[in-house]
Amino acid sequence: MSRKSGKKLLSSLIPGGEAGFSLAELITVVIIIGILASAVLPMTKVSLKRAKEIELHRALREIRRAIDLHKKMADEKKIEVEATETGYPETLELLAEGVKLVGKDRKFKFLRRIPRDPMTGRREWGLRGSQDEPDSEIWDGEDVFDAFSLSEGTALDGTKYREW
C-alpha cells in the first residue's frame, strides 16, 4: 500500500477528512494521565521513606557491631583500656580512628568512617553511655554504649526513629 493510498484510507475513516485528535480526546488523555500520576506519587514517597529506613537500620547495626567488637576486644585484653574504664569506646570517632592493639605496632579500625544518618543527612548521632538509662537522650560523656538517630520523624510502622 502506498503512502498516498494510506492517507486516503485514513482520511476516509475520520469524519471531516482530517487526521488528528479531537479536543475532547486530548482532554480525556490528559485527565487519565493526571489520575495515574497522582496515584504513583504517594507510592514513590513511601518507597523513598522505606529506603531511608533500611539505610538507617544498616547504619545503626554497623555502629552497634563496632561498639560491641570494641567491648569484646577490651574484655579479651586485645586492646589497652584503663582498669577503671568499662571497655566501651570513649567516642564514635575513636572507632573510626582506630585503637592500638596490644603487642602490635598497628591500629585496628572498627569503622571506616562514621555512617551518615539518612534521616538527618549528617554524621551525628545521639549517644548513650553504659551508665545511662536505656531511654536516656542525654549522654554522660564517659563511654559509648549505644547510638540512636537524632531525627524527630516517625517511621512507617509508627515508631520514632530515636527509639530504634
N, C-alpha and C. Protein backbone atom coordinates (compact mmCIF):
# COMPACT_ATOMS: atom_id res chain seq x y z
N MET A 1 0.86 -1.16 0.00
CA MET A 1 0.00 0.00 0.00
C MET A 1 0.91 1.22 0.00
N SER A 2 0.65 2.15 -0.89
CA SER A 2 1.48 3.35 -0.98
C SER A 2 1.08 4.34 0.11
N ARG A 3 1.93 5.33 0.29
CA ARG A 3 1.70 6.32 1.32
C ARG A 3 0.44 7.14 1.02
N LYS A 4 0.23 7.48 -0.26
CA LYS A 4 -0.95 8.27 -0.64
C LYS A 4 -2.23 7.50 -0.38
N SER A 5 -2.21 6.21 -0.73
CA SER A 5 -3.43 5.43 -0.52
C SER A 5 -3.71 5.22 0.96
N GLY A 6 -2.64 5.12 1.78
CA GLY A 6 -2.80 5.00 3.24
C GLY A 6 -3.43 6.24 3.82
N LYS A 7 -3.01 7.43 3.34
CA LYS A 7 -3.59 8.68 3.81
C LYS A 7 -5.05 8.78 3.40
N LYS A 8 -5.34 8.34 2.17
CA LYS A 8 -6.71 8.39 1.68
C LYS A 8 -7.62 7.52 2.53
N LEU A 9 -7.11 6.31 2.84
CA LEU A 9 -7.91 5.39 3.65
C LEU A 9 -8.14 5.98 5.03
N LEU A 10 -7.10 6.55 5.65
CA LEU A 10 -7.22 7.13 6.97
C LEU A 10 -8.18 8.31 6.97
N SER A 11 -8.06 9.17 6.00
CA SER A 11 -8.93 10.34 5.95
C SER A 11 -10.37 9.95 5.63
N SER A 12 -10.58 8.82 4.96
CA SER A 12 -11.95 8.39 4.68
C SER A 12 -12.61 7.83 5.93
N LEU A 13 -11.82 7.35 6.90
CA LEU A 13 -12.37 6.80 8.12
C LEU A 13 -12.72 7.88 9.14
N ILE A 14 -12.07 9.05 9.06
CA ILE A 14 -12.26 10.12 10.02
C ILE A 14 -13.24 11.13 9.44
N PRO A 15 -14.29 11.45 10.21
CA PRO A 15 -15.24 12.44 9.72
C PRO A 15 -14.55 13.78 9.48
N GLY A 16 -14.89 14.45 8.46
CA GLY A 16 -14.30 15.74 8.11
C GLY A 16 -13.06 15.58 7.25
N GLY A 17 -12.57 14.36 7.10
CA GLY A 17 -11.46 14.10 6.22
C GLY A 17 -10.09 14.48 6.76
N GLU A 18 -9.96 14.99 7.97
CA GLU A 18 -8.67 15.39 8.52
C GLU A 18 -8.22 14.37 9.57
N ALA A 19 -6.94 13.99 9.53
CA ALA A 19 -6.39 13.07 10.52
C ALA A 19 -5.97 13.87 11.76
N GLY A 20 -6.16 13.32 12.97
CA GLY A 20 -5.77 14.01 14.20
C GLY A 20 -6.70 13.65 15.34
N PHE A 21 -6.45 14.27 16.49
CA PHE A 21 -7.26 14.01 17.67
C PHE A 21 -8.17 15.21 17.93
N SER A 22 -9.33 14.90 18.47
CA SER A 22 -10.24 16.00 18.83
C SER A 22 -9.83 16.56 20.19
N LEU A 23 -10.30 17.72 20.51
CA LEU A 23 -10.01 18.35 21.80
C LEU A 23 -10.51 17.48 22.95
N ALA A 24 -11.66 16.88 22.80
CA ALA A 24 -12.22 16.02 23.84
C ALA A 24 -11.31 14.81 24.10
N GLU A 25 -10.76 14.23 23.05
CA GLU A 25 -9.86 13.08 23.21
C GLU A 25 -8.58 13.50 23.94
N LEU A 26 -8.03 14.65 23.58
CA LEU A 26 -6.83 15.14 24.23
C LEU A 26 -7.07 15.43 25.71
N ILE A 27 -8.19 16.05 26.03
CA ILE A 27 -8.52 16.35 27.43
C ILE A 27 -8.69 15.05 28.21
N THR A 28 -9.34 14.06 27.62
CA THR A 28 -9.54 12.77 28.28
C THR A 28 -8.20 12.10 28.59
N VAL A 29 -7.29 12.11 27.64
CA VAL A 29 -5.97 11.51 27.84
C VAL A 29 -5.21 12.24 28.95
N VAL A 30 -5.23 13.57 28.94
CA VAL A 30 -4.54 14.35 29.96
C VAL A 30 -5.11 14.06 31.35
N ILE A 31 -6.44 13.94 31.46
CA ILE A 31 -7.07 13.64 32.74
C ILE A 31 -6.66 12.25 33.23
N ILE A 32 -6.64 11.28 32.35
CA ILE A 32 -6.24 9.91 32.73
C ILE A 32 -4.79 9.89 33.20
N ILE A 33 -3.91 10.58 32.49
CA ILE A 33 -2.50 10.63 32.88
C ILE A 33 -2.36 11.33 34.24
N GLY A 34 -3.13 12.39 34.47
CA GLY A 34 -3.10 13.08 35.76
C GLY A 34 -3.54 12.19 36.90
N ILE A 35 -4.58 11.41 36.69
CA ILE A 35 -5.06 10.48 37.72
C ILE A 35 -4.01 9.42 38.02
N LEU A 36 -3.39 8.87 36.99
CA LEU A 36 -2.35 7.86 37.20
C LEU A 36 -1.14 8.46 37.92
N ALA A 37 -0.75 9.67 37.55
CA ALA A 37 0.39 10.32 38.21
C ALA A 37 0.10 10.60 39.68
N SER A 38 -1.13 11.00 39.99
CA SER A 38 -1.47 11.28 41.38
C SER A 38 -1.51 10.01 42.22
N ALA A 39 -1.72 8.86 41.60
CA ALA A 39 -1.69 7.60 42.33
C ALA A 39 -0.27 7.12 42.55
N VAL A 40 0.64 7.44 41.63
CA VAL A 40 2.02 6.98 41.72
C VAL A 40 2.81 7.81 42.73
N LEU A 41 2.53 9.09 42.86
CA LEU A 41 3.29 9.98 43.73
C LEU A 41 3.33 9.51 45.19
N PRO A 42 2.20 9.17 45.82
CA PRO A 42 2.28 8.68 47.21
C PRO A 42 3.09 7.39 47.33
N MET A 43 2.98 6.51 46.34
CA MET A 43 3.76 5.26 46.39
C MET A 43 5.25 5.55 46.31
N THR A 44 5.63 6.56 45.54
CA THR A 44 7.03 6.93 45.41
C THR A 44 7.55 7.49 46.73
N LYS A 45 6.75 8.32 47.39
CA LYS A 45 7.15 8.87 48.69
C LYS A 45 7.36 7.76 49.71
N VAL A 46 6.47 6.79 49.75
CA VAL A 46 6.58 5.68 50.69
C VAL A 46 7.82 4.85 50.36
N SER A 47 8.09 4.63 49.08
CA SER A 47 9.27 3.86 48.68
C SER A 47 10.55 4.56 49.10
N LEU A 48 10.61 5.87 48.93
CA LEU A 48 11.79 6.63 49.32
C LEU A 48 11.99 6.60 50.84
N LYS A 49 10.89 6.72 51.59
CA LYS A 49 10.97 6.67 53.05
C LYS A 49 11.42 5.29 53.51
N ARG A 50 10.89 4.25 52.88
CA ARG A 50 11.28 2.88 53.22
C ARG A 50 12.77 2.66 52.95
N ALA A 51 13.28 3.19 51.85
CA ALA A 51 14.70 3.05 51.53
C ALA A 51 15.57 3.74 52.58
N LYS A 52 15.15 4.93 53.03
CA LYS A 52 15.89 5.63 54.08
C LYS A 52 15.85 4.85 55.39
N GLU A 53 14.73 4.24 55.70
CA GLU A 53 14.61 3.45 56.93
C GLU A 53 15.52 2.23 56.88
N ILE A 54 15.61 1.60 55.73
CA ILE A 54 16.52 0.45 55.57
C ILE A 54 17.96 0.90 55.78
N GLU A 55 18.30 2.05 55.22
CA GLU A 55 19.65 2.60 55.39
C GLU A 55 19.92 2.95 56.86
N LEU A 56 18.92 3.48 57.56
CA LEU A 56 19.08 3.79 58.99
C LEU A 56 19.33 2.52 59.79
N HIS A 57 18.57 1.46 59.51
CA HIS A 57 18.78 0.18 60.19
C HIS A 57 20.21 -0.31 59.96
N ARG A 58 20.68 -0.21 58.72
CA ARG A 58 22.02 -0.67 58.37
C ARG A 58 23.09 0.13 59.12
N ALA A 59 22.93 1.46 59.15
CA ALA A 59 23.91 2.32 59.82
C ALA A 59 23.95 2.03 61.33
N LEU A 60 22.79 1.90 61.94
CA LEU A 60 22.75 1.59 63.38
C LEU A 60 23.37 0.23 63.68
N ARG A 61 23.08 -0.74 62.82
CA ARG A 61 23.66 -2.08 63.01
C ARG A 61 25.19 -2.02 62.89
N GLU A 62 25.70 -1.25 61.93
CA GLU A 62 27.15 -1.11 61.74
C GLU A 62 27.81 -0.47 62.97
N ILE A 63 27.21 0.60 63.48
CA ILE A 63 27.75 1.28 64.66
C ILE A 63 27.71 0.36 65.88
N ARG A 64 26.59 -0.31 66.08
CA ARG A 64 26.43 -1.16 67.26
C ARG A 64 27.37 -2.37 67.22
N ARG A 65 27.59 -2.92 66.03
CA ARG A 65 28.56 -4.03 65.91
C ARG A 65 29.96 -3.55 66.25
N ALA A 66 30.32 -2.34 65.80
CA ALA A 66 31.64 -1.79 66.09
C ALA A 66 31.81 -1.57 67.59
N ILE A 67 30.78 -1.03 68.25
CA ILE A 67 30.83 -0.82 69.70
C ILE A 67 31.00 -2.16 70.42
N ASP A 68 30.20 -3.15 70.01
CA ASP A 68 30.28 -4.47 70.64
C ASP A 68 31.64 -5.13 70.43
N LEU A 69 32.21 -4.97 69.25
CA LEU A 69 33.53 -5.55 68.98
C LEU A 69 34.61 -4.86 69.82
N HIS A 70 34.50 -3.55 69.97
CA HIS A 70 35.45 -2.83 70.83
C HIS A 70 35.37 -3.36 72.25
N LYS A 71 34.16 -3.52 72.76
CA LYS A 71 33.97 -4.04 74.12
C LYS A 71 34.54 -5.46 74.24
N LYS A 72 34.28 -6.30 73.27
CA LYS A 72 34.76 -7.69 73.30
C LYS A 72 36.29 -7.72 73.30
N MET A 73 36.91 -6.92 72.43
CA MET A 73 38.38 -6.89 72.36
C MET A 73 38.98 -6.32 73.64
N ALA A 74 38.31 -5.37 74.26
CA ALA A 74 38.78 -4.82 75.54
C ALA A 74 38.68 -5.89 76.64
N ASP A 75 37.58 -6.61 76.66
CA ASP A 75 37.41 -7.67 77.66
C ASP A 75 38.44 -8.79 77.47
N GLU A 76 38.81 -9.06 76.22
CA GLU A 76 39.80 -10.10 75.91
C GLU A 76 41.24 -9.58 76.02
N LYS A 77 41.38 -8.32 76.44
CA LYS A 77 42.70 -7.67 76.61
C LYS A 77 43.48 -7.58 75.30
N LYS A 78 42.77 -7.46 74.18
CA LYS A 78 43.43 -7.30 72.88
C LYS A 78 43.72 -5.83 72.58
N ILE A 79 43.01 -4.95 73.29
CA ILE A 79 43.28 -3.51 73.20
C ILE A 79 43.45 -2.98 74.62
N GLU A 80 44.23 -1.94 74.75
CA GLU A 80 44.51 -1.39 76.07
C GLU A 80 43.36 -0.50 76.54
N VAL A 81 42.94 -0.75 77.77
CA VAL A 81 41.96 0.12 78.43
C VAL A 81 42.38 0.27 79.89
N GLU A 82 42.05 1.40 80.45
CA GLU A 82 42.35 1.65 81.87
C GLU A 82 41.52 0.69 82.72
N ALA A 83 42.02 0.37 83.89
CA ALA A 83 41.31 -0.55 84.79
C ALA A 83 39.95 0.02 85.21
N THR A 84 39.85 1.35 85.24
CA THR A 84 38.60 1.98 85.66
C THR A 84 37.60 2.13 84.52
N GLU A 85 38.03 1.85 83.29
CA GLU A 85 37.13 2.00 82.13
C GLU A 85 36.27 0.77 81.94
N THR A 86 35.16 0.95 81.25
CA THR A 86 34.20 -0.14 81.02
C THR A 86 34.57 -1.03 79.85
N GLY A 87 35.41 -0.55 78.97
CA GLY A 87 35.75 -1.30 77.76
C GLY A 87 35.00 -0.82 76.55
N TYR A 88 34.00 0.03 76.77
CA TYR A 88 33.29 0.63 75.64
C TYR A 88 34.11 1.81 75.12
N PRO A 89 33.99 2.15 73.84
CA PRO A 89 34.78 3.26 73.29
C PRO A 89 34.38 4.58 73.93
N GLU A 90 35.34 5.51 73.99
CA GLU A 90 35.06 6.82 74.57
C GLU A 90 34.21 7.68 73.65
N THR A 91 34.39 7.53 72.33
CA THR A 91 33.63 8.29 71.34
C THR A 91 33.43 7.43 70.10
N LEU A 92 32.52 7.84 69.23
CA LEU A 92 32.36 7.16 67.95
C LEU A 92 33.57 7.40 67.06
N GLU A 93 34.17 8.59 67.18
CA GLU A 93 35.34 8.92 66.37
C GLU A 93 36.48 7.94 66.63
N LEU A 94 36.60 7.47 67.86
CA LEU A 94 37.65 6.51 68.20
C LEU A 94 37.50 5.22 67.39
N LEU A 95 36.26 4.83 67.12
CA LEU A 95 36.01 3.63 66.33
C LEU A 95 36.50 3.79 64.89
N ALA A 96 36.42 5.00 64.37
CA ALA A 96 36.88 5.26 63.01
C ALA A 96 38.39 5.54 62.95
N GLU A 97 38.93 6.17 64.00
CA GLU A 97 40.37 6.46 64.04
C GLU A 97 41.17 5.19 64.30
N GLY A 98 40.61 4.30 65.09
CA GLY A 98 41.29 3.05 65.41
C GLY A 98 41.98 3.11 66.75
N VAL A 99 42.27 1.93 67.29
CA VAL A 99 42.97 1.81 68.57
C VAL A 99 44.16 0.88 68.37
N LYS A 100 45.19 1.09 69.17
CA LYS A 100 46.40 0.28 69.08
C LYS A 100 46.14 -1.09 69.71
N LEU A 101 46.52 -2.13 69.00
CA LEU A 101 46.39 -3.48 69.51
C LEU A 101 47.53 -3.77 70.48
N VAL A 102 47.26 -4.55 71.51
CA VAL A 102 48.28 -4.91 72.49
C VAL A 102 49.35 -5.76 71.81
N GLY A 103 50.60 -5.33 71.98
CA GLY A 103 51.71 -6.09 71.42
C GLY A 103 51.93 -5.89 69.93
N LYS A 104 51.20 -5.00 69.30
CA LYS A 104 51.34 -4.76 67.86
C LYS A 104 51.64 -3.28 67.64
N ASP A 105 52.21 -2.98 66.50
CA ASP A 105 52.52 -1.59 66.16
C ASP A 105 51.46 -0.95 65.28
N ARG A 106 50.41 -1.65 65.03
CA ARG A 106 49.38 -1.11 64.14
C ARG A 106 48.09 -0.85 64.89
N LYS A 107 47.24 -0.03 64.22
CA LYS A 107 45.93 0.28 64.80
C LYS A 107 44.88 -0.62 64.17
N PHE A 108 43.85 -0.88 64.94
CA PHE A 108 42.69 -1.64 64.45
C PHE A 108 41.53 -0.67 64.36
N LYS A 109 40.94 -0.54 63.15
CA LYS A 109 39.79 0.34 62.96
C LYS A 109 38.51 -0.48 62.97
N PHE A 110 37.56 -0.03 63.73
CA PHE A 110 36.28 -0.71 63.85
C PHE A 110 35.30 -0.24 62.79
N LEU A 111 35.45 1.00 62.34
CA LEU A 111 34.63 1.59 61.28
C LEU A 111 35.54 2.28 60.27
N ARG A 112 35.19 2.23 59.00
CA ARG A 112 35.94 3.01 58.01
C ARG A 112 35.70 4.49 58.23
N ARG A 113 34.46 4.81 58.50
CA ARG A 113 34.06 6.18 58.85
C ARG A 113 32.72 6.08 59.57
N ILE A 114 32.38 7.12 60.27
CA ILE A 114 31.10 7.13 60.96
C ILE A 114 30.00 7.23 59.91
N PRO A 115 29.04 6.32 59.93
CA PRO A 115 27.98 6.35 58.91
C PRO A 115 27.13 7.62 59.01
N ARG A 116 26.56 8.00 57.89
CA ARG A 116 25.66 9.16 57.83
C ARG A 116 24.27 8.70 58.25
N ASP A 117 23.62 9.51 59.06
CA ASP A 117 22.22 9.25 59.44
C ASP A 117 21.36 9.66 58.25
N PRO A 118 20.69 8.73 57.58
CA PRO A 118 19.92 9.09 56.39
C PRO A 118 18.72 9.99 56.68
N MET A 119 18.27 10.02 57.92
CA MET A 119 17.11 10.84 58.26
C MET A 119 17.49 12.31 58.46
N THR A 120 18.70 12.55 58.97
CA THR A 120 19.15 13.93 59.19
C THR A 120 20.14 14.38 58.13
N GLY A 121 20.76 13.42 57.44
CA GLY A 121 21.76 13.75 56.43
C GLY A 121 23.12 14.10 57.01
N ARG A 122 23.32 13.91 58.32
CA ARG A 122 24.59 14.27 58.97
C ARG A 122 25.23 13.02 59.58
N ARG A 123 26.49 13.13 59.88
CA ARG A 123 27.21 12.04 60.54
C ARG A 123 27.19 12.24 62.06
N GLU A 124 26.11 12.76 62.57
CA GLU A 124 25.94 12.99 64.01
C GLU A 124 24.87 12.04 64.53
N TRP A 125 25.13 11.48 65.69
CA TRP A 125 24.24 10.52 66.29
C TRP A 125 24.01 10.87 67.76
N GLY A 126 22.85 10.49 68.26
CA GLY A 126 22.62 10.57 69.69
C GLY A 126 23.36 9.41 70.33
N LEU A 127 23.93 9.64 71.50
CA LEU A 127 24.72 8.60 72.16
C LEU A 127 24.20 8.32 73.56
N ARG A 128 24.40 7.08 74.00
CA ARG A 128 24.10 6.68 75.37
C ARG A 128 25.34 6.01 75.94
N GLY A 129 25.62 6.27 77.19
CA GLY A 129 26.73 5.63 77.88
C GLY A 129 26.27 4.38 78.60
N SER A 130 27.22 3.61 79.08
CA SER A 130 26.87 2.36 79.77
C SER A 130 26.16 2.61 81.10
N GLN A 131 26.31 3.80 81.66
CA GLN A 131 25.65 4.13 82.93
C GLN A 131 24.33 4.87 82.73
N ASP A 132 23.99 5.22 81.47
CA ASP A 132 22.76 5.94 81.18
C ASP A 132 21.55 5.01 81.21
N GLU A 133 20.39 5.60 81.42
CA GLU A 133 19.14 4.84 81.33
C GLU A 133 18.91 4.40 79.88
N PRO A 134 18.22 3.27 79.66
CA PRO A 134 18.01 2.78 78.29
C PRO A 134 17.30 3.76 77.36
N ASP A 135 16.44 4.62 77.90
CA ASP A 135 15.71 5.57 77.06
C ASP A 135 16.25 6.99 77.18
N SER A 136 17.42 7.13 77.81
CA SER A 136 18.01 8.45 78.00
C SER A 136 18.41 9.07 76.66
N GLU A 137 18.21 10.38 76.57
CA GLU A 137 18.64 11.09 75.37
C GLU A 137 19.79 12.05 75.70
N ILE A 138 20.29 11.95 76.92
CA ILE A 138 21.42 12.77 77.35
C ILE A 138 22.59 11.84 77.63
N TRP A 139 23.69 12.09 76.96
CA TRP A 139 24.88 11.25 77.07
C TRP A 139 25.73 11.69 78.24
N ASP A 140 26.20 10.74 79.03
CA ASP A 140 27.05 11.07 80.19
C ASP A 140 28.47 11.45 79.78
N GLY A 141 28.87 11.15 78.56
CA GLY A 141 30.17 11.55 78.04
C GLY A 141 31.33 10.67 78.45
N GLU A 142 31.07 9.60 79.19
CA GLU A 142 32.16 8.74 79.65
C GLU A 142 32.51 7.65 78.66
N ASP A 143 31.52 7.00 78.09
CA ASP A 143 31.75 5.97 77.09
C ASP A 143 30.54 5.90 76.18
N VAL A 144 30.67 5.14 75.08
CA VAL A 144 29.57 4.99 74.13
C VAL A 144 29.08 3.55 74.19
N PHE A 145 27.87 3.39 74.70
CA PHE A 145 27.25 2.08 74.82
C PHE A 145 26.28 1.83 73.67
N ASP A 146 25.64 2.91 73.18
CA ASP A 146 24.64 2.79 72.12
C ASP A 146 24.55 4.10 71.36
N ALA A 147 23.98 4.03 70.15
CA ALA A 147 23.76 5.22 69.33
C ALA A 147 22.32 5.18 68.81
N PHE A 148 21.78 6.37 68.56
CA PHE A 148 20.42 6.47 68.01
C PHE A 148 20.34 7.68 67.10
N SER A 149 19.32 7.70 66.25
CA SER A 149 19.13 8.80 65.31
C SER A 149 18.65 10.04 66.07
N LEU A 150 19.09 11.20 65.61
CA LEU A 150 18.64 12.47 66.18
C LEU A 150 17.38 12.99 65.49
N SER A 151 16.85 12.23 64.55
CA SER A 151 15.66 12.64 63.82
C SER A 151 14.43 12.61 64.72
N GLU A 152 13.57 13.60 64.53
CA GLU A 152 12.30 13.66 65.28
C GLU A 152 11.19 12.93 64.53
N GLY A 153 11.50 12.37 63.36
CA GLY A 153 10.49 11.77 62.50
C GLY A 153 9.91 10.48 63.03
N THR A 154 8.81 10.08 62.38
CA THR A 154 8.12 8.85 62.71
C THR A 154 8.24 7.88 61.54
N ALA A 155 8.51 6.63 61.85
CA ALA A 155 8.69 5.59 60.83
C ALA A 155 7.35 5.15 60.25
N LEU A 156 7.42 4.37 59.19
CA LEU A 156 6.21 3.85 58.56
C LEU A 156 5.42 2.95 59.52
N ASP A 157 6.12 2.31 60.46
CA ASP A 157 5.43 1.44 61.41
C ASP A 157 4.90 2.20 62.63
N GLY A 158 5.09 3.53 62.67
CA GLY A 158 4.55 4.35 63.75
C GLY A 158 5.51 4.62 64.88
N THR A 159 6.68 3.99 64.90
CA THR A 159 7.66 4.24 65.95
C THR A 159 8.51 5.47 65.60
N LYS A 160 9.12 6.03 66.61
CA LYS A 160 10.01 7.18 66.41
C LYS A 160 11.40 6.65 66.04
N TYR A 161 12.07 7.35 65.13
CA TYR A 161 13.42 6.94 64.73
C TYR A 161 14.38 6.96 65.91
N ARG A 162 14.16 7.85 66.86
CA ARG A 162 15.02 7.94 68.04
C ARG A 162 14.97 6.67 68.89
N GLU A 163 13.88 5.90 68.76
CA GLU A 163 13.69 4.70 69.58
C GLU A 163 14.30 3.44 68.96
N TRP A 164 14.85 3.55 67.76
CA TRP A 164 15.37 2.36 67.10
C TRP A 164 16.63 1.91 67.71
